[in-house]
Structure formats: structure tokens, C-alpha cells
Amino acid sequence: MTGADVLLVALGAVAVGAGVLVVTTKHLVRAGLYLVVCLGALAGDFLVLSAELVAWVQVLIYVGAVVVLLLFAVMLTRAPIGASDDLDRPGWPAALIGGGAGLGLTALLVDAYRWSTVTLPHAGTAERLGEQIFQSWVLPFEVLSVLLLAALVGAIVLSRPDIGRAAPQRDGRAADLVDSEPGGRR
């Protein structure tokens, strides 16, 4: 085994271990942080396999956007940060189904490509990818960016603390729709 093989197996073990921690933890924020470790290890695997573009896209899109969006949504919706009893469900049925499906797909892949040599085309360069995205797929790319912007604006509007209040009156005070508690607190 070469050093690259050892590094590939070590990063794969980190990714699998972090993935198991994602689905077994009772803390939602910790699950998001374990997901960062899992996706980072997967990006490291891509780097070992000399797929630098895919590795950096993995880091930018999944680690930099999806996980941050997940943590952002958790904090904006005031979801419980600590341990939650809702997340305490037996994991053995999912582990049994996922493990069986993974072993079955692995056996199918090994059987299908045992004596074959797979040649990869050299068309996956960053230049070729950029041409495809910004020439053929520019409209869906822009529609997706507008959709993500609308989702972000919607999350900000929903998280505002002044929801449920009326517009300010003429004297500058806000007319509350909710009765305030004695002492001026809500």
C-alpha cells in the first residue's frame, strides 16, 4: 500500500465515523458540526484522488453553504440547541437498512468491474465545466441563485422579533396586537 492509499483509507474512516456521529447525536448543532467534519474528510478524499476542482466545490458548496445554511436556520428558528428527546429514536433499523443497501451496492460494483479497466475521459477540467455552466446552463444557474436569495429573505422575515405587531401609530409608538404583561414585559 502506498501513502496515498493509507491517507485515502484514513480520510474515509474519518468520514464514516463523523457520518455515524451525525445520525446518532442528540444535539442538533453538534450534528451540523459533525457533518462539516464528514464533508471535509470527503473533500480530502477527492484531493487524494487528484480531483482538486471537485474537492474545492465540495468545500465551497457543501461545507461553506449547506452546513452554514443549516446552522443558520437552526439559530433563526430558535430550535432547541441542547439535547432533544425528539432525536432519541432507535437507530438500528436505519443502520440495518443502510448497511444492507451499502453492502449490496458494493458487491454489485465489485462484481461488475472486477476484471474491467475503466478509462476516464479528460473532459472534466475546470475550463470545460465553466463553459458548460455559463454557456448552456446559465438560465437555470441564475434561477437557482434567485431562489436561494428568496429563501434567505424569507428566513430573515420569519425570524424577525416584531412579527405580530401592528404598524407604528402617528405618535411614533407601535400598536401591539399582543397584550403586554404587567410591568411592561411580554
Protein backbone atom coordinates (compact mmCIF):
# COMPACT_ATOMS: atom_id res chain seq x y z
CA MET A 1 0.00 0.00 0.00
CA THR A 2 1.22 3.46 -0.87
CA GLY A 3 0.96 6.57 1.26
CA ALA A 4 -1.95 7.78 -0.86
CA ASP A 5 -3.83 4.55 -0.14
CA VAL A 6 -3.27 4.91 3.60
CA LEU A 7 -4.40 8.55 3.51
CA LEU A 8 -7.46 7.62 1.45
CA VAL A 9 -8.48 4.92 3.94
CA ALA A 10 -7.81 7.19 6.94
CA LEU A 11 -9.92 10.04 5.49
CA GLY A 12 -12.63 7.53 4.58
CA ALA A 13 -12.66 6.25 8.17
CA VAL A 14 -12.95 9.82 9.47
CA ALA A 15 -15.83 10.48 7.06
CA VAL A 16 -17.68 7.30 8.09
CA GLY A 17 -17.08 7.96 11.80
CA ALA A 18 -18.32 11.54 11.54
CA GLY A 19 -21.30 10.37 9.50
CA VAL A 20 -22.23 7.91 12.23
CA LEU A 21 -21.93 10.70 14.80
CA VAL A 22 -24.21 12.93 12.67
CA VAL A 23 -27.08 10.46 12.87
CA THR A 24 -26.53 9.28 16.45
CA THR A 25 -26.09 12.55 18.35
CA LYS A 26 -28.96 14.12 20.26
CA HIS A 27 -27.64 17.68 19.75
CA LEU A 28 -28.73 19.31 16.51
CA VAL A 29 -25.87 21.82 16.37
CA ARG A 30 -23.30 19.12 17.06
CA ALA A 31 -24.82 17.07 14.24
CA GLY A 32 -24.22 20.02 11.90
CA LEU A 33 -20.62 20.32 13.05
CA TYR A 34 -20.04 16.57 12.63
CA LEU A 35 -21.43 16.99 9.12
CA VAL A 36 -18.73 19.60 8.48
CA VAL A 37 -16.08 17.06 9.52
CA CYS A 38 -17.64 14.35 7.35
CA LEU A 39 -17.84 16.55 4.26
CA GLY A 40 -14.33 17.92 4.87
CA ALA A 41 -12.92 14.38 5.02
CA LEU A 42 -14.73 13.60 1.78
CA ALA A 43 -13.14 16.67 0.19
CA GLY A 44 -9.77 15.38 1.42
CA ASP A 45 -10.51 12.07 -0.32
CA PHE A 46 -11.15 13.97 -3.54
CA LEU A 47 -7.81 15.78 -3.13
CA VAL A 48 -6.00 12.45 -2.69
CA LEU A 49 -7.67 11.22 -5.88
CA SER A 50 -6.37 14.31 -7.76
CA ALA A 51 -9.82 15.78 -8.28
CA GLU A 52 -8.99 19.26 -6.99
CA LEU A 53 -11.94 21.01 -8.60
CA VAL A 54 -14.44 18.57 -7.11
CA ALA A 55 -12.74 18.89 -3.71
CA TRP A 56 -12.99 22.66 -3.67
CA VAL A 57 -16.55 22.60 -4.95
CA GLN A 58 -17.29 20.17 -2.11
CA VAL A 59 -15.80 22.59 0.41
CA LEU A 60 -17.44 25.71 -1.04
CA ILE A 61 -20.89 24.32 -1.76
CA TYR A 62 -21.49 21.71 0.92
CA VAL A 63 -19.32 22.81 3.82
CA GLY A 64 -19.45 26.53 3.11
CA ALA A 65 -23.06 26.86 2.09
CA VAL A 66 -25.28 23.95 3.01
CA VAL A 67 -23.98 23.36 6.54
CA VAL A 68 -23.80 27.07 7.29
CA LEU A 69 -27.37 27.40 6.00
CA LEU A 70 -28.42 24.50 8.23
CA LEU A 71 -26.85 26.08 11.31
CA PHE A 72 -28.24 29.49 10.29
CA ALA A 73 -31.75 28.00 10.04
CA VAL A 74 -31.42 26.28 13.41
CA MET A 75 -30.42 29.50 15.09
CA LEU A 76 -33.01 31.65 13.31
CA THR A 77 -35.92 29.36 14.05
CA ARG A 78 -34.98 29.16 17.72
CA ALA A 79 -34.85 25.37 17.58
CA PRO A 80 -33.64 23.65 20.73
CA ILE A 81 -29.85 23.81 20.81
CA GLY A 82 -29.26 21.22 23.54
CA ALA A 83 -30.15 17.55 23.71
CA SER A 84 -33.62 16.81 22.44
CA ASP A 85 -35.80 13.82 23.26
CA ASP A 86 -37.29 14.03 19.76
CA LEU A 87 -33.92 12.94 18.37
CA ASP A 88 -33.72 9.90 20.67
CA ARG A 89 -35.03 7.12 18.48
CA PRO A 90 -33.59 3.66 17.98
CA GLY A 91 -31.10 3.72 15.15
CA TRP A 92 -30.74 0.02 14.49
CA PRO A 93 -33.48 -0.22 11.79
CA ALA A 94 -31.89 2.56 9.77
CA ALA A 95 -28.40 1.11 10.33
CA LEU A 96 -29.61 -2.31 9.22
CA ILE A 97 -31.29 -0.98 6.07
CA GLY A 98 -28.44 1.41 5.19
CA GLY A 99 -25.74 -1.18 5.90
CA GLY A 100 -27.54 -3.84 3.87
CA ALA A 101 -28.03 -1.47 0.93
CA GLY A 102 -24.40 -0.35 1.12
CA LEU A 103 -23.08 -3.93 1.19
CA GLY A 104 -25.38 -4.92 -1.66
CA LEU A 105 -24.26 -2.00 -3.84
CA THR A 106 -20.62 -2.67 -3.02
CA ALA A 107 -20.99 -6.34 -4.00
CA LEU A 108 -22.72 -5.33 -7.24
CA LEU A 109 -19.98 -2.81 -8.08
CA VAL A 110 -17.16 -5.22 -7.33
CA ASP A 111 -18.81 -7.96 -9.37
CA ALA A 112 -19.49 -5.66 -12.33
CA TYR A 113 -15.99 -4.15 -12.55
CA ARG A 114 -13.80 -6.96 -11.20
CA TRP A 115 -11.91 -7.67 -14.42
CA SER A 116 -12.54 -4.40 -16.25
CA THR A 117 -10.34 -1.41 -16.77
CA VAL A 118 -12.17 1.89 -16.57
CA THR A 119 -10.76 4.78 -18.60
CA LEU A 120 -11.85 8.23 -17.60
CA PRO A 121 -12.26 10.99 -20.17
CA HIS A 122 -10.22 14.16 -19.82
CA ALA A 123 -13.26 16.38 -20.37
CA GLY A 124 -13.78 17.20 -16.69
CA THR A 125 -11.48 20.21 -16.47
CA ALA A 126 -12.45 23.45 -14.79
CA GLU A 127 -12.44 25.20 -18.17
CA ARG A 128 -14.89 22.70 -19.65
CA LEU A 129 -17.10 22.88 -16.56
CA GLY A 130 -17.14 26.68 -16.70
CA GLU A 131 -18.08 26.62 -20.37
CA GLN A 132 -21.00 24.28 -19.67
CA ILE A 133 -22.32 26.26 -16.70
CA PHE A 134 -22.01 29.73 -18.18
CA GLN A 135 -22.98 28.93 -21.77
CA SER A 136 -25.51 26.08 -21.76
CA TRP A 137 -26.81 26.27 -18.20
CA VAL A 138 -26.75 29.99 -17.40
CA LEU A 139 -30.54 30.41 -17.04
CA PRO A 140 -31.03 27.55 -14.53
CA PHE A 141 -27.92 28.78 -12.68
CA GLU A 142 -29.42 32.27 -12.31
CA VAL A 143 -32.88 30.95 -11.40
CA LEU A 144 -31.28 28.90 -8.64
CA SER A 145 -29.45 31.94 -7.31
CA VAL A 146 -32.71 33.95 -7.22
CA LEU A 147 -34.45 31.05 -5.46
CA LEU A 148 -31.72 30.89 -2.80
CA LEU A 149 -31.92 34.65 -2.32
CA ALA A 150 -35.69 34.45 -1.87
CA ALA A 151 -35.26 31.67 0.70
CA LEU A 152 -32.73 33.77 2.63
CA VAL A 153 -35.02 36.83 2.62
CA GLY A 154 -37.93 34.64 3.74
CA ALA A 155 -35.87 33.21 6.63
CA ILE A 156 -34.92 36.70 7.75
CA VAL A 157 -38.52 37.94 7.59
CA LEU A 158 -39.80 34.93 9.53
CA SER A 159 -37.18 35.33 12.23
CA ARG A 160 -37.90 38.97 12.96
CA PRO A 161 -38.97 39.52 16.55
CA ASP A 162 -41.60 42.13 15.65
CA ILE A 163 -43.92 39.68 13.90
CA GLY A 164 -47.37 40.09 15.40
CA ARG A 165 -47.09 43.84 15.89
CA ALA A 166 -49.02 46.44 14.00
CA ALA A 167 -47.54 49.35 12.09
CA PRO A 168 -46.41 52.38 14.12
CA GLN A 169 -49.15 54.86 15.01
CA ARG A 170 -48.96 58.56 14.26
CA ASP A 171 -47.28 59.38 17.56
CA GLY A 172 -44.38 57.02 16.79
CA ARG A 173 -45.34 54.18 19.15
CA ALA A 174 -46.06 50.69 17.87
CA ALA A 175 -49.55 49.37 18.43
CA ASP A 176 -49.11 45.88 19.81
CA LEU A 177 -51.52 43.18 18.80
CA VAL A 178 -50.44 41.09 21.79
CA ASP A 179 -51.32 42.26 25.28
CA SER A 180 -48.27 43.03 27.34
CA GLU A 181 -47.70 41.51 30.75
CA PRO A 182 -47.79 43.64 33.89
CA GLY A 183 -44.55 45.50 34.26
CA GLY A 184 -44.19 46.18 30.54
CA ARG A 185 -42.74 42.75 29.62
CA ARG A 186 -44.16 40.30 27.11
